[in-house]
Amino acid sequence: MSLTAKELDSLLNLINLENTNNQTFETIVNTFHSILPKTSLFKICNALVIILKYLTHLLPTSSQRLAALFLIYECYRNDEFINNPFASVFAELLSKKNGIASNSQQQDEYPKLTQNEYKFLANLLLNTIPIKDLIKLTPKQALAMDEQPINFNELIVLLDKIRKKESSLPITCRSAISVIVNEPDDGIELKNDKQSKRKLIESLLTTEPPISELSYLPQPIRISPVIEFPINEFFWAFPNELEELDLIYDGSDKVENENSSTNEVIQLMNKAFTTSLTLKQQQRLISQISSDPQIVHNIGLTPTKLPELVEKNPMTAIEILLTLMKSKEISEYISVLVNMEMSVHSMEVINRLTSAVDFPSDLIILYIGNCFTTCEQHKDKAMQNRMVRLVCVFLQSLIRNKIINVQDILLEVQSFCIEFSRIREASALFRLVKEIDSNNSDSITNSTNADHSHHPI
C-alpha cells in the first residue's frame, strides 16, 4: 500500500534538518509513533528506504540520515535484528563502507556513509552503546561522540547471518530488479525545481500501487517436453475422409436405454424428496411418467414419502397422484395426504385433485377439520392470520365449485368464521355460507308450501 499525502508530509517534516539537529532520538521516535499510524509501519519504513536510496537530496546531512536509519531500526527493535524486514539495507550500507562482499546487484544505489555515520550504525546494531543512553542524544550529538571501537568479527558474523537469511528466499524474489532508476548527472534543473521535486516524491510514494514496490521479475523458462512414443504404445488410426466411415446401428442398446430412463426418473424422484426441482427437471420427470404410467410403482415413492414430495414439488405430486388414481394403493396415499400438516402446498394438491377426480367428501371434510384445528392452535398471531386467510380462500373455492356440500360442515364453518371474524376473508366466507344456507331454506319452504297448496286441509 502507498502513503497518503498527509502521511508523506508528516514524515518529511519529521526528518527535516531542524528536527534532526535539535531533537533527541527519543523525541523523534515518540513523535513518529504519535503522528503516524502503527498499522502502517512497514510502508512508512519502506518510504524511508526509497528516500535514502533514490531521493538523497531529501537527506543531505548526516544527522538526517541517522534519524531515518534509527527509525527503521527502532520500529522492529523488539525482534531479533536479522528478522527486521529491512536488515539487508543496513547490511548494504555497512558492507559498502568496509569493503565486505555483498549479494546485492544494486550496491551503488545507496549513499556512502561518512566514517562517523558508519561507526554509529555499526555500534547500534552490535549494541555496543546501551540503547537507553543513545536515545537521550540528538543525531548531531551522536555523531560527535567519542569514537567507539568496532568489533569487526562480530560485525562480519552479523552480516553473514543476514546474507544466509536472504539466500533462503525464493530465487525469484532475490532476482527482482526495481523499476526505479537513479536520476542522471545532468538532472540539475529537476533538483532545483521544487514543484517537479514534489511531483517526483508523490509519484514514487503516494500512487496506488506505489511505484516503489514495483519490480521486474525474471520470466521462468519452460522447456518443451520431448514427445517419445514407446514401442508398445497403441496408435489411433483416423481416416482422411468421413465418408470412409461405415456406421452400423446396434439395436442391442434398446434395453440399456430403457434402464437408463428408469434410472434417470429414480434420480429425479430422490432429488424431489429433498429439494425443489427446476422447471426443466419437472417437465422431464412428468414426461417420463406420462409415457410409461407403470413406472410410478418402481421409482421409490411410498405413502410415507408423499408429504416430502408435496412440500418440495407439489405439481409433480399432483401428476403422480393422478396417475395412481386407478391403482389399489391410492387410498393409502389419499389417507396420508388429508392427514398431513396443513400448508399452502397440501391445500393446492387437494384443490387440484378434487377438481380433476371424484374425491371422497368425508376425506375432504377430515382435511378441513385438520385445517381448523391447526389455525386455532397456532401461537404466532401473524402466521395464524395468514393461515386463516388461506383456509377461507380454499373453502370458498371448494364451495363455489360444489365439491363439498355446505350443509355437511355448516356449524363448523360458522363457528370458525365467528372466531376469526376480525379477518376479512373469514367474514366473506361467513356471508357466502349464510347466503347458501338461506337459499336452501327458501327452497325447502317454497317446496313445502307448494305441496300444501295441492293438498288443502
Protein backbone atom coordinates (compact mmCIF):
# COMPACT_ATOMS: atom_id res chain seq x y z
CA MET A 1 0.00 0.00 0.00
CA SER A 2 1.09 3.59 -0.65
CA LEU A 3 1.39 6.53 1.71
CA THR A 4 -1.31 9.16 1.88
CA ALA A 5 -0.38 12.78 1.18
CA LYS A 6 -0.85 13.57 4.88
CA GLU A 7 1.45 10.72 5.98
CA LEU A 8 4.10 11.82 3.47
CA ASP A 9 4.04 15.42 4.74
CA SER A 10 4.30 14.26 8.36
CA LEU A 11 7.25 12.02 7.52
CA LEU A 12 9.15 14.73 5.64
CA ASN A 13 8.58 17.23 8.44
CA LEU A 14 9.85 14.72 10.98
CA ILE A 15 13.20 14.16 9.24
CA ASN A 16 13.90 17.77 8.28
CA LEU A 17 17.20 19.35 9.22
CA GLU A 18 15.92 21.41 12.18
CA ASN A 19 14.32 18.45 13.95
CA THR A 20 17.27 16.11 13.49
CA ASN A 21 19.74 18.73 14.75
CA ASN A 22 17.78 19.81 17.84
CA GLN A 23 15.62 16.85 18.92
CA THR A 24 16.77 13.67 20.62
CA PHE A 25 16.24 10.22 19.15
CA GLU A 26 13.62 9.62 21.84
CA THR A 27 11.62 12.73 20.86
CA ILE A 28 11.85 11.86 17.15
CA VAL A 29 10.64 8.30 17.82
CA ASN A 30 7.78 9.43 20.07
CA THR A 31 6.68 11.99 17.50
CA PHE A 32 6.92 9.34 14.80
CA HIS A 33 4.57 6.97 16.67
CA SER A 34 2.15 9.77 17.63
CA ILE A 35 1.57 11.23 14.16
CA LEU A 36 1.92 8.12 12.00
CA PRO A 37 -0.30 5.02 12.38
CA LYS A 38 1.29 1.89 13.83
CA THR A 39 -0.55 -0.22 11.27
CA SER A 40 1.48 1.47 8.53
CA LEU A 41 4.97 0.88 9.95
CA PHE A 42 6.17 -1.27 7.05
CA LYS A 43 5.10 1.09 4.27
CA ILE A 44 6.49 4.11 6.18
CA CYS A 45 9.86 2.38 6.70
CA ASN A 46 9.82 1.35 3.05
CA ALA A 47 9.29 5.02 2.13
CA LEU A 48 12.32 5.96 4.25
CA VAL A 49 14.41 3.40 2.35
CA ILE A 50 13.24 4.82 -1.00
CA ILE A 51 14.14 8.34 0.15
CA LEU A 52 17.54 7.12 1.37
CA LYS A 53 18.22 5.27 -1.88
CA TYR A 54 16.73 7.44 -4.64
CA LEU A 55 15.79 10.82 -3.12
CA THR A 56 19.11 11.59 -1.47
CA HIS A 57 18.53 15.35 -1.82
CA LEU A 58 15.88 14.99 0.93
CA LEU A 59 18.53 13.68 3.38
CA PRO A 60 21.57 15.84 2.63
CA THR A 61 23.07 15.78 6.14
CA SER A 62 24.44 13.01 8.34
CA SER A 63 22.00 13.80 11.17
CA GLN A 64 19.00 13.34 8.84
CA ARG A 65 20.32 10.00 7.51
CA LEU A 66 20.98 8.78 11.07
CA ALA A 67 17.44 9.77 12.14
CA ALA A 68 15.92 7.88 9.20
CA LEU A 69 18.02 4.76 9.83
CA PHE A 70 17.30 4.87 13.57
CA LEU A 71 13.54 4.99 12.89
CA ILE A 72 13.80 1.93 10.63
CA TYR A 73 15.82 0.12 13.30
CA GLU A 74 13.55 1.16 16.21
CA CYS A 75 10.29 0.04 14.54
CA TYR A 76 11.42 -3.61 14.77
CA ARG A 77 13.78 -3.31 17.76
CA ASN A 78 11.81 -5.83 19.85
CA ASP A 79 12.58 -8.62 17.35
CA GLU A 80 15.96 -10.19 16.58
CA PHE A 81 17.73 -7.89 14.14
CA ILE A 82 18.09 -10.46 11.33
CA ASN A 83 14.25 -10.70 11.32
CA ASN A 84 13.98 -6.99 10.61
CA PRO A 85 12.50 -6.80 7.07
CA PHE A 86 14.99 -4.02 6.29
CA ALA A 87 18.09 -5.76 7.71
CA SER A 88 19.51 -6.02 4.16
CA VAL A 89 19.53 -2.19 3.92
CA PHE A 90 21.83 -1.93 6.96
CA ALA A 91 23.95 -4.78 5.60
CA GLU A 92 24.41 -2.97 2.27
CA LEU A 93 25.44 0.26 3.96
CA LEU A 94 27.92 -1.43 6.31
CA SER A 95 29.31 -3.80 3.65
CA LYS A 96 29.97 -0.98 1.21
CA LYS A 97 31.94 1.14 3.68
CA ASN A 98 34.10 -1.71 4.92
CA GLY A 99 34.55 -3.49 1.61
CA ILE A 100 32.78 -6.64 2.82
CA ALA A 101 31.29 -8.75 -0.01
CA SER A 102 27.57 -8.20 -0.67
CA ASN A 103 24.95 -10.24 -2.51
CA SER A 104 23.10 -7.21 -3.86
CA GLN A 105 23.41 -6.20 -7.50
CA GLN A 106 22.29 -2.64 -6.64
CA GLN A 107 25.08 -1.83 -4.20
CA ASP A 108 25.97 1.53 -5.76
CA GLU A 109 22.43 2.88 -5.26
CA TYR A 110 22.84 3.50 -1.51
CA PRO A 111 24.74 6.62 -0.39
CA LYS A 112 28.18 6.18 1.09
CA LEU A 113 28.27 6.75 4.83
CA THR A 114 30.77 9.02 6.49
CA GLN A 115 33.19 7.50 8.96
CA ASN A 116 31.17 8.75 11.96
CA GLU A 117 27.89 7.51 10.43
CA TYR A 118 29.43 4.11 9.80
CA LYS A 119 30.71 3.76 13.37
CA PHE A 120 27.41 4.89 14.85
CA LEU A 121 25.43 2.41 12.75
CA ALA A 122 27.79 -0.50 13.49
CA ASN A 123 27.71 0.18 17.25
CA LEU A 124 23.90 0.49 17.10
CA LEU A 125 23.49 -2.95 15.52
CA LEU A 126 26.07 -4.60 17.76
CA ASN A 127 24.57 -2.98 20.91
CA THR A 128 27.98 -1.57 21.86
CA ILE A 129 26.28 1.55 23.17
CA PRO A 130 23.30 0.94 25.52
CA ILE A 131 20.13 1.98 23.76
CA LYS A 132 18.83 3.73 26.90
CA ASP A 133 21.82 6.12 26.73
CA LEU A 134 21.70 6.52 22.97
CA ILE A 135 18.08 7.69 22.72
CA LYS A 136 18.85 10.63 25.03
CA LEU A 137 21.16 12.12 22.36
CA THR A 138 20.35 14.10 19.25
CA PRO A 139 21.66 12.71 15.94
CA LYS A 140 24.11 15.61 15.85
CA GLN A 141 25.41 14.75 19.34
CA ALA A 142 25.67 11.05 18.44
CA LEU A 143 27.95 11.92 15.52
CA ALA A 144 30.19 13.95 17.82
CA MET A 145 30.60 11.17 20.41
CA ASP A 146 33.97 9.79 21.26
CA GLU A 147 34.90 7.08 18.85
CA GLN A 148 33.83 3.67 19.99
CA PRO A 149 35.89 0.70 18.79
CA ILE A 150 34.06 -1.59 16.35
CA ASN A 151 34.26 -5.34 16.82
CA PHE A 152 34.62 -6.28 13.15
CA ASN A 153 34.49 -10.01 13.90
CA GLU A 154 31.03 -9.65 15.41
CA LEU A 155 30.01 -7.35 12.57
CA ILE A 156 31.08 -9.88 9.92
CA VAL A 157 29.18 -12.64 11.76
CA LEU A 158 26.04 -10.46 11.83
CA LEU A 159 26.30 -9.60 8.14
CA ASP A 160 26.85 -13.27 7.30
CA LYS A 161 23.62 -14.18 9.16
CA ILE A 162 21.74 -11.57 7.13
CA ARG A 163 23.16 -12.97 3.86
CA LYS A 164 22.13 -16.51 4.83
CA LYS A 165 18.65 -15.26 5.69
CA GLU A 166 18.37 -13.66 2.25
CA SER A 167 19.67 -16.77 0.48
CA SER A 168 16.76 -18.78 1.94
CA LEU A 169 14.27 -16.64 -0.02
CA PRO A 170 12.99 -17.90 -3.41
CA ILE A 171 15.34 -17.08 -6.25
CA THR A 172 12.61 -15.07 -8.00
CA CYS A 173 12.46 -12.69 -5.02
CA ARG A 174 16.23 -12.29 -4.89
CA SER A 175 16.41 -11.69 -8.64
CA ALA A 176 13.83 -8.87 -8.83
CA ILE A 177 15.02 -5.50 -10.18
CA SER A 178 13.35 -2.26 -9.10
CA VAL A 179 11.62 -0.24 -11.82
CA ILE A 180 13.16 2.97 -10.39
CA VAL A 181 16.37 4.27 -11.98
CA ASN A 182 18.56 6.90 -10.28
CA GLU A 183 18.48 10.41 -11.70
CA PRO A 184 21.31 11.03 -14.21
CA ASP A 185 24.04 13.56 -13.53
CA ASP A 186 22.57 16.11 -15.96
CA GLY A 187 19.32 16.41 -13.98
CA ILE A 188 20.35 19.66 -12.22
CA GLU A 189 17.27 21.52 -13.45
CA LEU A 190 14.92 18.97 -11.85
CA LYS A 191 16.75 19.13 -8.50
CA ASN A 192 16.33 22.88 -8.34
CA ASP A 193 12.65 22.79 -9.36
CA LYS A 194 10.60 22.40 -6.14
CA GLN A 195 7.37 21.66 -7.99
CA SER A 196 8.95 18.89 -10.08
CA LYS A 197 10.70 17.56 -7.00
CA ARG A 198 7.42 17.36 -5.08
CA LYS A 199 5.70 15.68 -8.02
CA LEU A 200 8.52 13.12 -8.17
CA ILE A 201 8.21 12.30 -4.45
CA GLU A 202 4.43 11.89 -4.70
CA SER A 203 4.67 9.71 -7.81
CA LEU A 204 7.06 7.34 -6.02
CA LEU A 205 5.32 7.12 -2.65
CA THR A 206 1.63 8.08 -2.92
CA THR A 207 0.44 6.41 -6.13
CA GLU A 208 -1.58 3.18 -5.95
CA PRO A 209 0.03 0.75 -6.35
CA PRO A 210 3.20 2.57 -5.21
CA ILE A 211 5.90 2.65 -7.86
CA SER A 212 8.49 1.99 -5.18
CA GLU A 213 7.10 -1.54 -4.67
CA LEU A 214 7.08 -2.49 -8.37
CA SER A 215 9.86 -4.61 -9.80
CA TYR A 216 10.87 -6.59 -12.86
CA LEU A 217 10.82 -10.33 -12.22
CA PRO A 218 12.55 -12.91 -14.41
CA GLN A 219 10.22 -14.95 -16.56
CA PRO A 220 10.58 -18.69 -15.94
CA ILE A 221 11.76 -20.61 -18.97
CA ARG A 222 9.72 -23.74 -19.61
CA ILE A 223 11.45 -26.26 -21.82
CA SER A 224 9.13 -28.01 -24.25
CA PRO A 225 8.73 -31.68 -23.32
CA VAL A 226 10.25 -34.27 -25.61
CA ILE A 227 7.50 -36.42 -27.12
CA GLU A 228 8.55 -40.01 -27.21
CA PHE A 229 6.47 -42.92 -28.43
CA PRO A 230 7.20 -46.22 -26.72
CA ILE A 231 7.45 -49.22 -28.98
CA ASN A 232 4.39 -50.97 -27.48
CA GLU A 233 2.15 -47.88 -27.36
CA PHE A 234 -1.23 -48.14 -29.05
CA PHE A 235 -1.81 -45.79 -32.02
CA TRP A 236 -5.18 -44.44 -33.15
CA ALA A 237 -5.73 -44.55 -36.90
CA PHE A 238 -8.06 -41.84 -38.29
CA PRO A 239 -9.45 -41.96 -41.84
CA ASN A 240 -8.82 -38.95 -44.05
CA GLU A 241 -12.44 -38.65 -45.17
CA LEU A 242 -15.55 -39.06 -43.04
CA GLU A 243 -17.28 -40.82 -45.93
CA GLU A 244 -14.98 -43.75 -45.36
CA LEU A 245 -16.66 -44.45 -42.02
CA ASP A 246 -19.25 -47.23 -42.26
CA LEU A 247 -21.73 -46.63 -39.43
CA ILE A 248 -23.77 -49.64 -38.27
CA TYR A 249 -26.71 -49.32 -35.85
CA ASP A 250 -26.61 -51.62 -32.85
CA GLY A 251 -30.14 -52.36 -31.67
CA SER A 252 -28.99 -54.18 -28.56
CA ASP A 253 -28.76 -50.93 -26.64
CA LYS A 254 -32.56 -50.50 -26.54
CA VAL A 255 -32.81 -52.29 -23.19
CA GLU A 256 -29.94 -50.19 -21.87
CA ASN A 257 -31.81 -47.03 -22.93
CA GLU A 258 -34.92 -48.18 -21.09
CA ASN A 259 -32.88 -48.89 -17.98
CA SER A 260 -31.16 -45.51 -18.23
CA SER A 261 -34.58 -43.80 -18.45
CA THR A 262 -35.77 -45.57 -15.31
CA ASN A 263 -32.56 -44.67 -13.51
CA GLU A 264 -32.98 -41.05 -14.54
CA VAL A 265 -36.55 -40.95 -13.13
CA ILE A 266 -35.39 -42.56 -9.88
CA GLN A 267 -32.62 -39.98 -9.53
CA LEU A 268 -35.05 -37.13 -10.16
CA MET A 269 -37.51 -38.57 -7.61
CA ASN A 270 -34.81 -38.91 -4.96
CA LYS A 271 -33.93 -35.28 -5.57
CA ALA A 272 -37.61 -34.25 -5.48
CA PHE A 273 -37.94 -35.53 -1.89
CA THR A 274 -35.25 -33.15 -0.62
CA THR A 275 -35.27 -30.06 -2.86
CA SER A 276 -37.33 -28.22 -5.43
CA LEU A 277 -36.76 -29.40 -9.00
CA THR A 278 -36.13 -26.94 -11.78
CA LEU A 279 -38.86 -26.45 -14.36
CA LYS A 280 -36.87 -28.49 -16.88
CA GLN A 281 -36.42 -31.35 -14.41
CA GLN A 282 -40.14 -31.34 -13.52
CA GLN A 283 -41.10 -31.47 -17.18
CA ARG A 284 -38.65 -34.32 -17.79
CA LEU A 285 -39.98 -36.33 -14.82
CA ILE A 286 -43.65 -35.82 -15.69
CA SER A 287 -42.95 -36.63 -19.36
CA GLN A 288 -41.34 -39.95 -18.43
CA ILE A 289 -44.26 -40.87 -16.13
CA SER A 290 -46.83 -39.90 -18.79
CA SER A 291 -45.13 -42.05 -21.43
CA ASP A 292 -44.94 -45.04 -19.06
CA PRO A 293 -47.52 -44.81 -16.19
CA GLN A 294 -46.39 -48.15 -14.73
CA ILE A 295 -43.04 -46.64 -13.88
CA VAL A 296 -44.55 -44.87 -10.84
CA HIS A 297 -44.56 -48.20 -8.98
CA ASN A 298 -40.76 -48.54 -9.35
CA ILE A 299 -39.38 -45.08 -8.65
CA GLY A 300 -39.20 -45.20 -4.84
CA LEU A 301 -42.40 -43.33 -3.96
CA THR A 302 -44.26 -44.63 -0.87
CA PRO A 303 -47.16 -43.17 1.17
CA THR A 304 -44.75 -42.14 3.95
CA LYS A 305 -42.65 -40.12 1.47
CA LEU A 306 -45.64 -38.35 -0.04
CA PRO A 307 -45.62 -35.36 2.42
CA GLU A 308 -42.00 -34.61 1.49
CA LEU A 309 -42.86 -34.64 -2.21
CA VAL A 310 -45.93 -32.43 -1.68
CA GLU A 311 -43.96 -29.79 0.24
CA LYS A 312 -40.98 -29.71 -2.14
CA ASN A 313 -42.67 -30.30 -5.53
CA PRO A 314 -46.48 -30.02 -5.35
CA MET A 315 -47.04 -30.02 -9.14
CA THR A 316 -45.09 -33.25 -9.50
CA ALA A 317 -47.06 -34.77 -6.62
CA ILE A 318 -50.34 -33.88 -8.36
CA GLU A 319 -49.33 -35.58 -11.62
CA ILE A 320 -48.14 -38.72 -9.82
CA LEU A 321 -51.32 -38.97 -7.70
CA LEU A 322 -53.48 -38.56 -10.80
CA THR A 323 -51.51 -41.39 -12.41
CA LEU A 324 -52.07 -43.56 -9.31
CA MET A 325 -55.85 -42.90 -9.12
CA LYS A 326 -56.80 -46.27 -10.59
CA SER A 327 -54.30 -48.25 -8.53
CA LYS A 328 -55.05 -50.15 -5.33
CA GLU A 329 -52.61 -48.06 -3.30
CA ILE A 330 -54.37 -44.73 -3.97
CA SER A 331 -56.46 -44.96 -0.77
CA GLU A 332 -53.26 -45.09 1.33
CA TYR A 333 -51.82 -42.05 -0.46
CA ILE A 334 -55.08 -40.08 -0.06
CA SER A 335 -55.28 -41.00 3.65
CA VAL A 336 -51.74 -39.71 4.21
CA LEU A 337 -52.48 -36.58 2.18
CA VAL A 338 -55.58 -35.48 4.14
CA ASN A 339 -53.90 -36.21 7.49
CA MET A 340 -50.67 -34.32 6.78
CA GLU A 341 -49.98 -30.94 8.31
CA MET A 342 -51.84 -28.05 6.74
CA SER A 343 -49.77 -25.97 4.30
CA VAL A 344 -50.17 -23.97 1.11
CA HIS A 345 -48.84 -26.87 -0.94
CA SER A 346 -51.08 -29.51 0.64
CA MET A 347 -54.14 -27.31 0.02
CA GLU A 348 -53.03 -26.76 -3.57
CA VAL A 349 -52.66 -30.51 -4.17
CA ILE A 350 -56.07 -31.34 -2.65
CA ASN A 351 -57.76 -28.50 -4.53
CA ARG A 352 -56.34 -29.72 -7.86
CA LEU A 353 -57.24 -33.36 -7.14
CA THR A 354 -60.82 -32.57 -6.14
CA SER A 355 -61.25 -30.60 -9.37
CA ALA A 356 -59.87 -33.41 -11.52
CA VAL A 357 -61.41 -36.55 -10.00
CA ASP A 358 -64.23 -37.65 -7.69
CA PHE A 359 -62.74 -37.18 -4.27
CA PRO A 360 -64.41 -38.78 -1.22
CA SER A 361 -66.30 -36.00 0.57
CA ASP A 362 -65.64 -37.48 4.01
CA LEU A 363 -61.87 -37.23 3.43
CA ILE A 364 -62.20 -33.62 2.32
CA ILE A 365 -64.20 -32.84 5.48
CA LEU A 366 -61.49 -34.57 7.53
CA TYR A 367 -58.81 -32.37 5.96
CA ILE A 368 -60.89 -29.23 6.56
CA GLY A 369 -61.23 -30.21 10.22
CA ASN A 370 -57.42 -30.55 10.43
CA CYS A 371 -57.09 -27.07 8.92
CA PHE A 372 -59.48 -25.59 11.51
CA THR A 373 -57.56 -27.22 14.37
CA THR A 374 -54.18 -26.06 13.05
CA CYS A 375 -55.37 -22.45 12.78
CA GLU A 376 -56.93 -22.43 16.25
CA GLN A 377 -53.84 -23.88 17.96
CA HIS A 378 -51.23 -21.68 16.26
CA LYS A 379 -49.46 -19.32 18.71
CA ASP A 380 -47.93 -16.85 16.25
CA LYS A 381 -50.62 -14.22 15.59
CA ALA A 382 -49.31 -13.07 12.20
CA MET A 383 -48.86 -16.63 10.93
CA GLN A 384 -52.28 -17.58 12.33
CA ASN A 385 -53.93 -14.75 10.38
CA ARG A 386 -52.18 -15.84 7.18
CA MET A 387 -53.27 -19.47 7.64
CA VAL A 388 -56.89 -18.44 8.32
CA ARG A 389 -56.92 -16.43 5.08
CA LEU A 390 -55.61 -19.41 3.13
CA VAL A 391 -58.20 -21.78 4.64
CA CYS A 392 -61.04 -19.36 3.91
CA VAL A 393 -59.99 -18.92 0.28
CA PHE A 394 -59.59 -22.69 -0.03
CA LEU A 395 -63.08 -23.34 1.37
CA GLN A 396 -64.66 -20.71 -0.89
CA SER A 397 -63.13 -22.47 -3.90
CA LEU A 398 -64.48 -25.85 -2.77
CA ILE A 399 -67.95 -24.40 -2.11
CA ARG A 400 -68.23 -22.42 -5.35
CA ASN A 401 -67.12 -25.45 -7.38
CA LYS A 402 -69.70 -27.54 -5.49
CA ILE A 403 -67.09 -30.04 -4.40
CA ILE A 404 -68.46 -30.11 -0.85
CA ASN A 405 -71.97 -29.65 0.50
CA VAL A 406 -72.15 -26.67 2.84
CA GLN A 407 -74.79 -28.37 4.98
CA ASP A 408 -72.27 -31.09 5.89
CA ILE A 409 -69.93 -28.60 7.62
CA LEU A 410 -72.26 -25.66 8.23
CA LEU A 411 -71.87 -25.48 12.01
CA GLU A 412 -68.08 -25.97 11.96
CA VAL A 413 -67.59 -23.29 9.29
CA GLN A 414 -69.84 -20.78 11.03
CA SER A 415 -68.06 -21.34 14.34
CA PHE A 416 -64.66 -20.93 12.63
CA CYS A 417 -65.72 -17.71 10.87
CA ILE A 418 -67.14 -16.19 14.07
CA GLU A 419 -63.93 -16.98 15.96
CA PHE A 420 -61.85 -15.18 13.34
CA SER A 421 -64.39 -12.55 12.29
CA ARG A 422 -61.67 -9.86 12.51
CA ILE A 423 -60.20 -11.27 9.30
CA ARG A 424 -61.84 -10.09 6.08
CA GLU A 425 -61.69 -13.47 4.31
CA ALA A 426 -63.44 -15.16 7.27
CA SER A 427 -66.24 -12.61 7.11
CA ALA A 428 -66.59 -13.17 3.35
CA LEU A 429 -66.74 -16.94 3.88
CA PHE A 430 -69.39 -16.49 6.58
CA ARG A 431 -71.56 -14.39 4.25
CA LEU A 432 -71.18 -16.99 1.48
CA VAL A 433 -72.18 -19.85 3.76
CA LYS A 434 -75.08 -17.82 5.16
CA GLU A 435 -76.29 -16.96 1.67
CA ILE A 436 -76.19 -20.59 0.53
CA ASP A 437 -77.93 -21.72 3.72
CA SER A 438 -80.67 -19.09 3.26
CA ASN A 439 -81.21 -20.11 -0.36
CA ASN A 440 -81.52 -23.75 0.68
CA SER A 441 -84.01 -22.82 3.42
CA ASP A 442 -86.11 -20.77 0.99
CA SER A 443 -86.13 -23.64 -1.49
CA ILE A 444 -87.33 -26.06 1.20
CA THR A 445 -90.05 -23.58 2.35
CA ASN A 446 -91.29 -22.98 -1.19
CA SER A 447 -91.39 -26.70 -1.84
CA THR A 448 -93.41 -27.30 1.34
CA ASN A 449 -95.87 -24.53 0.52
CA ALA A 450 -96.36 -25.94 -2.94
CA ASP A 451 -97.21 -29.36 -1.51
CA HIS A 452 -99.74 -27.83 0.89
CA SER A 453 -101.47 -25.96 -1.92
CA HIS A 454 -102.10 -29.25 -3.74
CA HIS A 455 -103.41 -30.92 -0.57
CA PRO A 456 -105.74 -28.48 1.23
CA ILE A 457 -106.98 -29.41 4.63
